N, C-alpha and C. Protein backbone atom coordinates (compact mmCIF):
# COMPACT_ATOMS: atom_id res chain seq x y z
N MET A 1 0.98 -0.91 0.31
CA MET A 1 0.31 0.45 -0.06
C MET A 1 0.75 1.69 0.57
N SER A 2 2.27 1.13 0.29
CA SER A 2 2.94 2.58 0.74
C SER A 2 2.78 2.95 -1.28
N ASP A 3 2.68 1.94 -1.93
CA ASP A 3 2.70 2.37 -3.36
C ASP A 3 1.97 3.13 -3.96
N GLU A 4 0.83 2.15 -3.74
CA GLU A 4 -0.06 3.35 -3.84
C GLU A 4 -0.56 4.48 -2.85
N THR A 5 0.19 5.18 -1.96
CA THR A 5 0.25 6.37 -1.71
C THR A 5 1.22 6.83 -2.00
N ALA A 6 2.24 6.32 -2.66
CA ALA A 6 2.98 7.10 -3.22
C ALA A 6 2.71 7.82 -4.71
N ARG A 7 2.15 6.50 -5.28
CA ARG A 7 1.79 6.83 -6.64
C ARG A 7 0.68 8.23 -6.53
N SER A 8 -0.32 8.01 -5.22
CA SER A 8 -1.58 8.64 -5.63
C SER A 8 -1.17 9.85 -4.75
N GLY A 9 -0.14 9.97 -3.69
CA GLY A 9 0.56 11.48 -3.60
C GLY A 9 1.14 11.88 -4.81
N GLY A 10 1.63 10.98 -5.77
CA GLY A 10 2.47 12.14 -7.15
C GLY A 10 1.19 12.17 -7.93
N GLU A 11 0.21 11.13 -8.04
CA GLU A 11 -1.04 11.77 -8.92
C GLU A 11 -1.61 13.32 -9.01
N SER A 12 -1.44 12.97 -7.05
CA SER A 12 -2.22 14.65 -6.44
C SER A 12 -1.02 15.36 -6.58
N THR A 13 0.24 15.57 -6.71
CA THR A 13 0.80 16.73 -6.97
C THR A 13 0.91 17.22 -7.98
N LYS A 14 0.52 16.48 -9.16
CA LYS A 14 0.85 16.21 -10.56
C LYS A 14 -0.63 17.25 -10.74
N ALA A 15 -1.37 16.81 -10.74
CA ALA A 15 -3.11 17.46 -10.15
C ALA A 15 -3.09 18.39 -9.83
N SER A 16 -2.29 18.27 -8.58
CA SER A 16 -2.29 19.74 -7.93
C SER A 16 -1.18 20.77 -8.91
N HIS A 17 -0.76 20.54 -9.40
CA HIS A 17 1.15 21.30 -10.32
C HIS A 17 -0.12 21.94 -11.92
N HIS A 18 -0.48 20.38 -12.04
CA HIS A 18 -1.86 21.27 -13.41
C HIS A 18 -2.87 22.05 -13.17
N ARG A 19 -3.68 22.12 -11.60
CA ARG A 19 -4.59 22.98 -11.70
C ARG A 19 -4.32 24.40 -10.90
N THR A 20 -2.89 24.85 -10.65
CA THR A 20 -2.12 25.50 -10.30
C THR A 20 -2.18 26.52 -12.27
N ARG A 21 -1.44 25.20 -12.68
CA ARG A 21 -1.02 26.15 -13.90
C ARG A 21 -2.66 26.67 -14.93
N LEU A 22 -3.64 25.29 -14.93
CA LEU A 22 -4.64 26.48 -15.25
C LEU A 22 -4.95 27.71 -14.39
N ASP A 23 -4.71 27.70 -13.01
CA ASP A 23 -5.64 28.91 -12.42
C ASP A 23 -5.01 30.26 -12.93
N ARG A 24 -3.34 30.06 -13.22
CA ARG A 24 -2.39 30.94 -13.06
C ARG A 24 -2.41 31.45 -15.11
N LEU A 25 -3.34 30.38 -16.58
CA LEU A 25 -3.19 30.92 -17.58
C LEU A 25 -4.25 31.06 -17.61
N ASP A 26 -5.43 30.55 -16.72
CA ASP A 26 -6.90 31.16 -16.98
C ASP A 26 -6.65 33.15 -15.66
N THR A 27 -5.67 33.59 -14.93
CA THR A 27 -5.96 34.27 -14.67
C THR A 27 -5.05 35.82 -15.48
N ARG A 28 -4.28 34.88 -16.18
CA ARG A 28 -3.47 36.00 -17.13
C ARG A 28 -4.53 35.92 -18.09
N LEU A 29 -5.07 34.85 -18.68
CA LEU A 29 -5.84 35.20 -19.59
C LEU A 29 -7.44 36.26 -18.82
N SER A 30 -7.57 36.54 -18.57
CA SER A 30 -8.64 37.77 -18.13
C SER A 30 -7.93 38.89 -17.26
N ALA A 31 -6.31 38.98 -17.89
CA ALA A 31 -6.03 40.09 -17.57
C ALA A 31 -5.77 40.57 -18.98
N VAL A 32 -5.41 40.04 -19.97
CA VAL A 32 -5.41 39.88 -21.56
C VAL A 32 -6.65 40.68 -21.62
N GLU A 33 -7.85 40.10 -21.72
CA GLU A 33 -9.26 40.48 -21.94
C GLU A 33 -9.23 41.54 -20.86
N ARG A 34 -9.51 41.97 -20.03
CA ARG A 34 -9.66 43.35 -19.12
C ARG A 34 -8.39 44.60 -20.68
N SER A 35 -7.65 44.36 -20.27
CA SER A 35 -7.06 45.12 -20.82
C SER A 35 -7.49 45.22 -22.72
N ALA A 36 -7.96 44.51 -23.32
CA ALA A 36 -8.24 44.47 -24.87
C ALA A 36 -10.06 45.10 -24.80
N THR A 37 -10.25 44.57 -23.45
CA THR A 37 -11.66 45.23 -23.94
C THR A 37 -12.24 46.74 -22.55
N GLY A 38 -10.91 47.29 -22.30
CA GLY A 38 -11.32 48.05 -21.44
C GLY A 38 -11.98 47.77 -19.82
N ASP A 39 -12.44 46.60 -19.38
CA ASP A 39 -13.76 46.84 -18.59
C ASP A 39 -13.42 45.20 -18.26
N ASP A 40 -14.26 44.86 -17.46
CA ASP A 40 -14.00 42.83 -17.27
C ASP A 40 -15.03 42.62 -18.37
N SER A 41 -16.00 43.11 -19.27
CA SER A 41 -16.53 41.98 -19.85
C SER A 41 -15.48 41.43 -21.61
N SER A 42 -15.76 40.04 -21.74
CA SER A 42 -15.10 39.17 -22.24
C SER A 42 -15.27 39.15 -23.59
N VAL A 43 -14.09 38.29 -23.70
CA VAL A 43 -13.16 38.87 -25.84
C VAL A 43 -14.63 38.49 -26.53
N ALA A 44 -15.49 37.59 -26.05
CA ALA A 44 -16.26 36.98 -27.33
C ALA A 44 -17.60 38.37 -27.06
N ASP A 45 -17.76 39.25 -26.72
CA ASP A 45 -18.17 40.50 -26.28
C ASP A 45 -17.30 41.44 -27.40
N LEU A 46 -16.11 41.61 -27.29
CA LEU A 46 -15.67 42.38 -28.45
C LEU A 46 -16.42 41.62 -30.19
N SER A 47 -16.57 40.50 -30.42
CA SER A 47 -16.70 39.99 -31.60
C SER A 47 -17.90 40.65 -31.71
N ASP A 48 -19.19 40.97 -31.24
CA ASP A 48 -20.34 41.85 -31.42
C ASP A 48 -20.52 43.17 -31.73
N ALA A 49 -18.91 43.74 -30.40
CA ALA A 49 -18.84 45.17 -30.70
C ALA A 49 -18.57 45.37 -32.06
N ALA A 50 -17.19 44.21 -32.56
CA ALA A 50 -16.88 43.96 -33.93
C ALA A 50 -18.04 44.16 -35.06
N GLU A 51 -19.15 43.29 -34.92
CA GLU A 51 -20.19 43.08 -35.81
C GLU A 51 -21.12 44.89 -36.07
N LEU A 52 -21.56 45.21 -34.44
CA LEU A 52 -21.54 46.03 -34.84
C LEU A 52 -21.09 47.49 -35.20
N ASP A 53 -19.67 47.20 -35.16
CA ASP A 53 -19.30 48.70 -36.06
C ASP A 53 -19.26 48.51 -37.05
N ALA A 54 -19.03 47.05 -37.52
CA ALA A 54 -19.73 46.63 -39.39
C ALA A 54 -20.38 47.27 -39.48
N ARG A 55 -21.69 47.07 -39.01
CA ARG A 55 -22.86 47.12 -39.24
C ARG A 55 -23.16 49.14 -39.44
N LEU A 56 -22.98 49.46 -38.26
CA LEU A 56 -23.20 51.37 -38.33
C LEU A 56 -22.33 51.92 -39.51
N THR A 57 -20.94 51.35 -39.84
CA THR A 57 -20.08 51.57 -40.68
C THR A 57 -21.12 51.62 -42.22
N ALA A 58 -21.50 50.71 -42.01
CA ALA A 58 -22.80 49.88 -43.24
C ALA A 58 -23.66 50.68 -43.53
N VAL A 59 -24.34 51.26 -42.30
CA VAL A 59 -25.10 52.25 -41.77
C VAL A 59 -24.99 53.37 -42.28
N GLU A 60 -24.10 53.78 -42.26
CA GLU A 60 -23.46 55.44 -42.37
C GLU A 60 -23.33 55.56 -43.45
N GLU A 61 -22.89 54.76 -44.55
CA GLU A 61 -22.20 54.28 -45.73
C GLU A 61 -23.76 54.76 -47.03
N THR A 62 -24.89 53.81 -46.19
CA THR A 62 -26.28 54.18 -46.87
C THR A 62 -26.80 55.24 -46.31
N ASP A 63 -26.07 55.04 -45.35
CA ASP A 63 -26.59 57.14 -45.81
C ASP A 63 -26.60 58.20 -45.93
N ALA A 64 -24.80 58.22 -46.45
CA ALA A 64 -24.64 58.83 -46.99
C ALA A 64 -25.07 59.21 -48.71
N GLU A 65 -25.06 57.47 -49.15
CA GLU A 65 -25.75 57.94 -49.95
C GLU A 65 -27.19 58.01 -50.22
N PHE A 66 -28.22 57.99 -49.40
CA PHE A 66 -29.16 58.43 -49.09
C PHE A 66 -29.33 60.06 -49.54
N ASP A 67 -28.68 60.20 -48.65
CA ASP A 67 -28.62 62.14 -48.50
C ASP A 67 -27.76 62.65 -50.31
N GLU A 68 -27.44 61.86 -50.43
CA GLU A 68 -26.89 62.20 -51.95
C GLU A 68 -27.86 62.08 -53.32
N ARG A 69 -28.24 60.92 -52.67
CA ARG A 69 -30.34 60.78 -53.67
C ARG A 69 -31.20 61.92 -53.42
N LEU A 70 -31.00 61.71 -52.39
CA LEU A 70 -31.76 63.28 -51.34
C LEU A 70 -31.49 64.25 -52.65
N SER A 71 -30.59 64.87 -52.11
CA SER A 71 -29.84 66.53 -52.63
C SER A 71 -30.04 66.05 -54.21
N GLU A 72 -29.92 65.37 -54.75
CA GLU A 72 -29.98 65.14 -56.89
C GLU A 72 -31.34 65.07 -56.74
N LEU A 73 -32.68 64.38 -55.58
CA LEU A 73 -34.12 64.44 -55.94
C LEU A 73 -34.60 66.22 -55.92
N GLU A 74 -34.00 66.84 -54.93
CA GLU A 74 -34.10 68.01 -54.82
C GLU A 74 -33.64 69.39 -55.84
N ALA A 75 -32.46 68.62 -56.22
CA ALA A 75 -32.36 70.11 -57.57
C ALA A 75 -33.12 69.27 -58.75
N ALA A 76 -33.85 67.86 -58.77
CA ALA A 76 -34.23 67.89 -60.58
C ALA A 76 -36.58 68.23 -59.42
N VAL A 77 -36.04 68.60 -58.67
CA VAL A 77 -37.94 69.05 -57.88
C VAL A 77 -37.59 70.49 -58.40
N GLN A 78 -36.37 71.39 -57.69
CA GLN A 78 -36.02 72.86 -58.09
C GLN A 78 -36.18 72.65 -59.83
N ALA A 79 -36.02 71.80 -60.51
CA ALA A 79 -35.42 72.23 -61.79
C ALA A 79 -37.45 72.17 -62.80
N LEU A 80 -37.48 70.91 -62.02
CA LEU A 80 -39.33 70.86 -62.39
C LEU A 80 -40.43 72.04 -61.78
N ARG A 81 -39.66 73.02 -60.65
CA ARG A 81 -41.13 73.75 -60.78
C ARG A 81 -40.45 75.32 -60.84
N GLY A 82 -39.31 75.16 -61.58
CA GLY A 82 -38.98 76.02 -62.64
C GLY A 82 -39.56 75.80 -64.25
N TYR A 83 -39.38 74.73 -64.43
CA TYR A 83 -40.17 74.47 -65.65
C TYR A 83 -41.39 74.55 -65.29
N VAL A 84 -42.24 74.14 -64.50
CA VAL A 84 -44.14 74.14 -64.35
C VAL A 84 -44.30 75.99 -64.74
N GLY A 85 -43.54 76.62 -63.73
CA GLY A 85 -43.71 78.04 -62.99
C GLY A 85 -43.26 78.98 -65.03
N GLY A 86 -42.51 78.14 -65.71
CA GLY A 86 -42.37 79.00 -67.36
C GLY A 86 -43.26 78.57 -67.98
N VAL A 87 -43.70 77.34 -67.85
CA VAL A 87 -45.19 77.02 -68.40
C VAL A 87 -46.41 77.71 -68.48
N ARG A 88 -46.59 77.56 -66.98
CA ARG A 88 -47.78 78.86 -66.53
C ARG A 88 -47.31 80.25 -66.96
N ALA A 89 -46.61 80.96 -67.25
CA ALA A 89 -46.04 82.32 -67.90
C ALA A 89 -46.35 82.46 -68.79
N VAL A 90 -46.10 81.00 -69.89
CA VAL A 90 -46.54 81.06 -70.89
C VAL A 90 -47.72 80.63 -71.25
N ASN A 91 -48.56 79.84 -70.59
CA ASN A 91 -49.91 79.96 -70.61
C ASN A 91 -50.39 81.49 -70.60
N ARG A 92 -50.05 81.96 -69.44
CA ARG A 92 -50.73 83.43 -68.95
C ARG A 92 -50.57 84.12 -70.06
N ASP A 93 -49.47 84.15 -70.82
CA ASP A 93 -49.09 84.95 -71.93
C ASP A 93 -50.22 84.91 -72.90
N VAL A 94 -50.55 83.66 -73.51
CA VAL A 94 -50.56 82.90 -74.73
C VAL A 94 -52.40 83.19 -74.15
N GLU A 95 -53.29 82.62 -73.17
CA GLU A 95 -54.29 82.97 -72.56
C GLU A 95 -54.37 84.70 -73.12
N ARG A 96 -53.78 85.97 -72.47
CA ARG A 96 -54.04 86.93 -72.48
C ARG A 96 -53.78 87.83 -74.20
N ARG A 97 -53.15 86.88 -75.19
CA ARG A 97 -52.76 86.68 -76.46
C ARG A 97 -54.56 86.73 -77.22
N ALA A 98 -55.01 85.16 -76.81
CA ALA A 98 -55.89 84.89 -77.57
C ALA A 98 -57.19 85.84 -76.98
N ASP A 99 -57.53 86.01 -74.95
CA ASP A 99 -58.56 86.67 -74.84
C ASP A 99 -58.24 88.57 -76.37
N ALA A 100 -57.69 89.13 -76.27
CA ALA A 100 -56.41 89.95 -77.22
C ALA A 100 -57.43 89.48 -78.62
N ALA A 101 -57.24 88.41 -79.40
CA ALA A 101 -57.74 88.25 -80.28
C ALA A 101 -59.38 88.29 -79.66
N ILE A 102 -59.60 87.63 -79.41
CA ILE A 102 -61.21 87.02 -79.52
C ILE A 102 -61.33 88.45 -79.26
N ALA A 103 -61.00 89.24 -78.41
CA ALA A 103 -61.90 90.35 -78.31
C ALA A 103 -61.70 91.92 -79.37
N ALA A 104 -60.27 91.23 -80.47
CA ALA A 104 -60.56 92.23 -82.33
C ALA A 104 -61.63 91.81 -82.76
N VAL A 105 -61.53 90.31 -82.62
CA VAL A 105 -62.75 89.64 -83.53
C VAL A 105 -63.69 90.51 -83.31
N GLU A 106 -64.41 90.01 -82.08
CA GLU A 106 -65.37 90.93 -81.63
C GLU A 106 -65.63 92.24 -82.17
N SER A 107 -65.02 92.99 -81.40
CA SER A 107 -65.48 94.28 -82.29
C SER A 107 -65.10 94.70 -83.13
N MET A 108 -64.57 93.58 -84.38
CA MET A 108 -64.83 93.56 -86.02
C MET A 108 -66.34 93.44 -86.10
N GLU A 109 -66.74 92.36 -85.73
CA GLU A 109 -67.93 92.00 -86.11
C GLU A 109 -68.99 92.71 -85.95
N ARG A 110 -68.68 93.90 -84.54
CA ARG A 110 -69.84 94.42 -84.25
C ARG A 110 -69.74 95.80 -85.03
N GLU A 111 -68.04 96.05 -85.27
CA GLU A 111 -67.77 96.63 -86.59
C GLU A 111 -68.71 96.81 -87.86
N ARG A 112 -68.64 95.60 -88.23
CA ARG A 112 -69.32 95.47 -89.86
C ARG A 112 -70.97 95.09 -89.66
N SER A 113 -71.37 94.97 -88.39
CA SER A 113 -72.83 94.87 -88.44
C SER A 113 -73.09 95.35 -88.64
N SER A 114 -72.40 96.83 -87.14
CA SER A 114 -72.84 98.41 -87.55
C SER A 114 -72.53 99.13 -89.15
N SER A 115 -71.55 98.59 -89.39
CA SER A 115 -71.78 99.46 -90.44
C SER A 115 -72.36 98.70 -92.12
N ASP A 116 -73.67 97.38 -91.89
CA ASP A 116 -73.83 96.69 -92.44
C ASP A 116 -75.40 97.35 -92.50
N ALA A 117 -75.46 97.71 -91.10
CA ALA A 117 -76.99 98.33 -91.20
C ALA A 117 -76.65 100.00 -91.21
N VAL A 118 -75.54 100.63 -90.98
CA VAL A 118 -75.81 101.84 -91.73
C VAL A 118 -75.47 102.03 -93.20
N ALA A 119 -74.95 100.04 -94.18
CA ALA A 119 -75.06 101.13 -95.30
C ALA A 119 -76.48 100.72 -95.85
N GLU A 120 -76.62 99.28 -94.97
CA GLU A 120 -78.31 99.26 -95.48
C GLU A 120 -79.47 100.94 -95.19
N ILE A 121 -79.01 101.43 -94.10
CA ILE A 121 -79.76 102.41 -93.88
C ILE A 121 -79.32 103.53 -95.24
N VAL A 122 -78.21 104.06 -95.36
CA VAL A 122 -77.68 104.54 -96.80
C VAL A 122 -78.13 104.66 -97.81
N SER A 123 -78.35 102.99 -98.27
CA SER A 123 -78.27 102.73 -99.56
C SER A 123 -80.21 103.25 -99.77
N GLU A 124 -80.81 102.89 -98.91
CA GLU A 124 -82.13 102.99 -98.56
C GLU A 124 -82.44 104.47 -98.86
N VAL A 125 -81.85 105.47 -98.05
CA VAL A 125 -82.08 106.65 -98.01
C VAL A 125 -81.46 107.75 -99.46
N ASP A 126 -80.33 106.70 -99.43
CA ASP A 126 -80.06 107.20 -101.08
C ASP A 126 -80.61 107.24 -102.10
N SER A 127 -81.72 105.81 -101.64
CA SER A 127 -83.06 105.52 -103.38
C SER A 127 -84.22 106.17 -102.86
N ASP A 128 -84.33 106.79 -101.37
CA ASP A 128 -85.33 107.75 -101.13
C ASP A 128 -85.41 109.09 -102.09
N THR A 129 -83.64 109.64 -101.76
CA THR A 129 -83.64 111.18 -101.39
C THR A 129 -82.91 111.01 -103.75
N SER A 130 -82.63 109.94 -104.19
CA SER A 130 -82.86 109.89 -105.23
C SER A 130 -84.18 110.11 -106.35
N ASP A 131 -85.38 109.28 -105.30
CA ASP A 131 -86.55 109.54 -106.12
C ASP A 131 -87.47 110.72 -105.50
N ASP A 132 -86.35 111.51 -104.58
CA ASP A 132 -87.16 112.38 -103.98
C ASP A 132 -86.53 114.21 -104.52
N ARG A 133 -85.38 114.13 -105.27
CA ARG A 133 -84.76 114.57 -105.44
C ARG A 133 -84.97 114.64 -107.25
N GLY A 134 -85.75 113.79 -107.86
CA GLY A 134 -86.08 114.01 -109.06
C GLY A 134 -87.36 114.46 -108.94
N ALA A 135 -87.82 113.98 -107.87
CA ALA A 135 -89.58 114.84 -107.92
C ALA A 135 -89.28 116.45 -107.76
N LYS A 136 -87.98 116.70 -106.86
CA LYS A 136 -88.30 118.36 -106.54
C LYS A 136 -87.41 118.51 -107.89
N SER A 137 -86.65 118.65 -108.32
CA SER A 137 -86.04 119.09 -109.16
C SER A 137 -86.97 119.53 -110.61
N THR A 138 -88.02 118.42 -110.80
CA THR A 138 -88.91 118.89 -111.32
C THR A 138 -89.84 119.96 -111.09
N GLU A 139 -90.66 120.14 -109.34
CA GLU A 139 -90.85 121.50 -108.71
C GLU A 139 -90.45 122.75 -108.73
N SER A 140 -88.82 122.27 -108.11
CA SER A 140 -88.21 123.81 -107.82
C SER A 140 -86.42 123.25 -107.78
N SER A 141 -86.07 124.24 -107.97
CA SER A 141 -84.58 123.96 -108.34
C SER A 141 -83.79 124.77 -107.14
N GLU A 142 -84.59 125.02 -106.32
CA GLU A 142 -83.88 125.53 -105.32
C GLU A 142 -83.71 124.91 -103.90
N PRO A 143 -82.32 124.89 -103.39
CA PRO A 143 -82.23 124.00 -102.48
C PRO A 143 -83.08 123.98 -101.34
N GLY A 144 -83.06 122.75 -100.63
CA GLY A 144 -84.13 122.22 -99.65
C GLY A 144 -83.12 122.53 -98.15
N PRO A 145 -84.08 122.03 -96.90
CA PRO A 145 -83.29 122.19 -96.06
C PRO A 145 -82.69 121.12 -95.84
N ASP A 146 -82.61 119.92 -96.29
CA ASP A 146 -81.88 118.95 -96.60
C ASP A 146 -80.46 119.17 -96.87
N ASP A 147 -80.32 119.98 -98.17
CA ASP A 147 -79.52 120.36 -98.98
C ASP A 147 -78.57 120.61 -98.76
N SER A 148 -77.63 121.14 -97.18
CA SER A 148 -76.70 121.98 -96.78
C SER A 148 -75.17 121.98 -97.40
N GLY A 149 -75.11 120.85 -98.91
CA GLY A 149 -73.64 120.44 -98.98
C GLY A 149 -73.24 119.09 -98.10
N GLN A 150 -73.66 118.94 -97.73
CA GLN A 150 -73.06 117.78 -96.81
C GLN A 150 -74.58 116.49 -97.25
N GLY A 151 -74.68 115.38 -97.84
CA GLY A 151 -75.93 114.69 -98.08
C GLY A 151 -76.40 114.04 -96.61
N LEU A 152 -77.32 113.69 -96.78
CA LEU A 152 -77.97 112.85 -95.76
C LEU A 152 -76.82 111.71 -94.97
N THR A 153 -76.20 111.34 -96.13
CA THR A 153 -75.79 110.10 -96.47
C THR A 153 -74.33 110.12 -95.18
N ALA A 154 -73.78 111.39 -95.97
CA ALA A 154 -72.99 111.40 -94.68
C ALA A 154 -73.18 112.27 -93.43
N ARG A 155 -74.50 112.63 -93.06
CA ARG A 155 -74.67 112.89 -91.80
C ARG A 155 -74.81 111.52 -91.12
N LEU A 156 -75.53 110.64 -91.58
CA LEU A 156 -75.67 109.17 -91.47
C LEU A 156 -74.31 108.91 -90.98
N LYS A 157 -73.41 108.45 -91.51
CA LYS A 157 -72.27 108.12 -91.16
C LYS A 157 -71.87 108.87 -90.32
N GLU A 158 -71.76 110.35 -89.67
CA GLU A 158 -71.17 110.57 -88.60
C GLU A 158 -71.47 110.57 -87.46
N THR A 159 -73.06 110.15 -87.74
CA THR A 159 -73.06 109.85 -86.16
C THR A 159 -72.98 108.20 -86.14
N TRP A 160 -72.95 107.58 -87.17
CA TRP A 160 -73.02 105.72 -86.67
C TRP A 160 -71.85 105.95 -86.89
């Protein structure tokens, strides 16, 4: 039994030496982790932080791309607003010209209808006057109250 006791004593010395070595390695590893992380968190948390940092960088890049696209869209909207404003101005100008043309045509139509009416009256008066003058010339050759150098036609044209 003494051999067995010596063996078990030797094995226990080896085991305790091995255990002591593992404890020292664990202590050293903990010290390295503390210096790497800056606190008592484990190194596994560092990989999570690295993933988070990578995702944050990707989000920042995407945000920069969106910001650039937004700037381009704002410029395009401003250009369209300018174009639409120009079209509106042209439309207003065209509308004013069309209104002026319509007014001119309506005015010409009124003048024409008025001048047609005057022409009809004048032609009727001329025919009546020529008939009356023919009768008057046979009756007397003195100028009447209607013969003042201006004919009835000229006076009607002045009034119309």
